[in-house]
């Protein structure tokens, strides 16, 4: 789990490698209660690029994720 968040923060273009080709990557935009979903390596890679989590900080010390963008 730590490796996932390290990659997400430092090398987000490689994050898709944590997902299988038929995986779904979902997130909430904060604008609504609906999640945005992307399926497969290409869509996941494009979504992460759009979100640009480079330099984000993640605190996993309590066994849960606290993210600061």
C-alpha atoms as a PDB file:
ATOM      1  CA  UNK A   1       0.000   0.000   0.000  1.00  0.00           C
ATOM      2  CA  UNK A   2       2.842   2.409   0.762  1.00  0.00           C
ATOM      3  CA  UNK A   3       4.366   1.773  -2.653  1.00  0.00           C
ATOM      4  CA  UNK A   4       1.044   2.636  -4.344  1.00  0.00           C
ATOM      5  CA  UNK A   5       0.874   6.027  -2.633  1.00  0.00           C
ATOM      6  CA  UNK A   6       4.562   6.722  -3.187  1.00  0.00           C
ATOM      7  CA  UNK A   7       4.102   6.116  -6.917  1.00  0.00           C
ATOM      8  CA  UNK A   8       0.876   8.150  -6.923  1.00  0.00           C
ATOM      9  CA  UNK A   9       2.678  11.111  -5.376  1.00  0.00           C
ATOM     10  CA  UNK A  10       6.036  10.878  -7.153  1.00  0.00           C
ATOM     11  CA  UNK A  11       5.417   9.115 -10.494  1.00  0.00           C
ATOM     12  CA  UNK A  12       1.664   9.196 -11.219  1.00  0.00           C
ATOM     13  CA  UNK A  13       2.140   8.276 -14.885  1.00  0.00           C
ATOM     14  CA  UNK A  14       3.130   4.784 -13.676  1.00  0.00           C
ATOM     15  CA  UNK A  15       0.133   4.296 -11.364  1.00  0.00           C
ATOM     16  CA  UNK A  16      -1.813   2.301 -13.967  1.00  0.00           C
ATOM     17  CA  UNK A  17       0.620  -0.583 -13.425  1.00  0.00           C
ATOM     18  CA  UNK A  18      -1.107  -1.341 -10.102  1.00  0.00           C
ATOM     19  CA  UNK A  19      -4.340  -2.104 -11.975  1.00  0.00           C
ATOM     20  CA  UNK A  20      -5.225  -5.066 -14.166  1.00  0.00           C
ATOM     21  CA  UNK A  21      -6.341  -4.348 -17.731  1.00  0.00           C
ATOM     22  CA  UNK A  22     -10.004  -4.797 -16.747  1.00  0.00           C
ATOM     23  CA  UNK A  23      -9.749  -2.842 -13.453  1.00  0.00           C
ATOM     24  CA  UNK A  24     -11.809   0.234 -12.637  1.00  0.00           C
ATOM     25  CA  UNK A  25     -10.363   3.412 -11.102  1.00  0.00           C
ATOM     26  CA  UNK A  26     -13.031   5.550  -9.385  1.00  0.00           C
ATOM     27  CA  UNK A  27     -12.998   8.804  -7.470  1.00  0.00           C
ATOM     28  CA  UNK A  28     -15.338  11.522  -6.256  1.00  0.00           C
ATOM     29  CA  UNK A  29     -14.963  15.037  -7.627  1.00  0.00           C
ATOM     30  CA  UNK A  30     -16.553  16.747  -4.640  1.00  0.00           C
ATOM     31  CA  UNK A  31     -19.187  18.308  -6.890  1.00  0.00           C
ATOM     32  CA  UNK A  32     -21.725  15.524  -6.438  1.00  0.00           C
ATOM     33  CA  UNK A  33     -22.325  12.232  -4.706  1.00  0.00           C
ATOM     34  CA  UNK A  34     -21.544  10.371  -7.929  1.00  0.00           C
ATOM     35  CA  UNK A  35     -18.210   8.720  -8.591  1.00  0.00           C
ATOM     36  CA  UNK A  36     -16.300   9.136 -11.843  1.00  0.00           C
ATOM     37  CA  UNK A  37     -14.970   5.796 -13.125  1.00  0.00           C
ATOM     38  CA  UNK A  38     -12.371   4.810 -15.697  1.00  0.00           C
ATOM     39  CA  UNK A  39     -11.682   1.270 -16.905  1.00  0.00           C
ATOM     40  CA  UNK A  40      -8.462  -0.257 -18.231  1.00  0.00           C
ATOM     41  CA  UNK A  41      -4.867   0.934 -18.364  1.00  0.00           C
ATOM     42  CA  UNK A  42      -5.321   3.685 -20.952  1.00  0.00           C
ATOM     43  CA  UNK A  43      -8.350   5.275 -19.276  1.00  0.00           C
ATOM     44  CA  UNK A  44      -6.790   4.995 -15.810  1.00  0.00           C
ATOM     45  CA  UNK A  45      -3.525   6.527 -17.015  1.00  0.00           C
ATOM     46  CA  UNK A  46      -5.416   9.424 -18.669  1.00  0.00           C
ATOM     47  CA  UNK A  47      -7.535  10.015 -15.547  1.00  0.00           C
ATOM     48  CA  UNK A  48      -4.515  10.121 -13.240  1.00  0.00           C
ATOM     49  CA  UNK A  49      -2.792  12.520 -15.619  1.00  0.00           C
ATOM     50  CA  UNK A  50      -5.838  14.791 -15.508  1.00  0.00           C
ATOM     51  CA  UNK A  51      -5.998  14.636 -11.700  1.00  0.00           C
ATOM     52  CA  UNK A  52      -2.232  15.281 -11.430  1.00  0.00           C
ATOM     53  CA  UNK A  53      -1.531  14.010  -7.901  1.00  0.00           C
ATOM     54  CA  UNK A  54       2.189  14.847  -8.198  1.00  0.00           C
ATOM     55  CA  UNK A  55       3.434  16.184  -4.889  1.00  0.00           C
ATOM     56  CA  UNK A  56       0.369  15.068  -2.962  1.00  0.00           C
ATOM     57  CA  UNK A  57       0.867  14.027   0.637  1.00  0.00           C
ATOM     58  CA  UNK A  58      -0.656  10.868   2.104  1.00  0.00           C
ATOM     59  CA  UNK A  59      -0.711   9.939   5.776  1.00  0.00           C
ATOM     60  CA  UNK A  60      -1.148   6.205   6.310  1.00  0.00           C
ATOM     61  CA  UNK A  61       0.008   6.112   9.929  1.00  0.00           C
ATOM     62  CA  UNK A  62      -3.456   5.466  11.383  1.00  0.00           C
ATOM     63  CA  UNK A  63      -4.294   2.571   9.058  1.00  0.00           C
ATOM     64  CA  UNK A  64      -6.421   4.762   6.807  1.00  0.00           C
ATOM     65  CA  UNK A  65      -5.678   7.296   4.079  1.00  0.00           C
ATOM     66  CA  UNK A  66      -5.613  11.030   4.701  1.00  0.00           C
ATOM     67  CA  UNK A  67      -4.825  12.762   1.412  1.00  0.00           C
ATOM     68  CA  UNK A  68      -3.797  16.381   0.867  1.00  0.00           C
ATOM     69  CA  UNK A  69      -3.805  17.690  -2.706  1.00  0.00           C
END
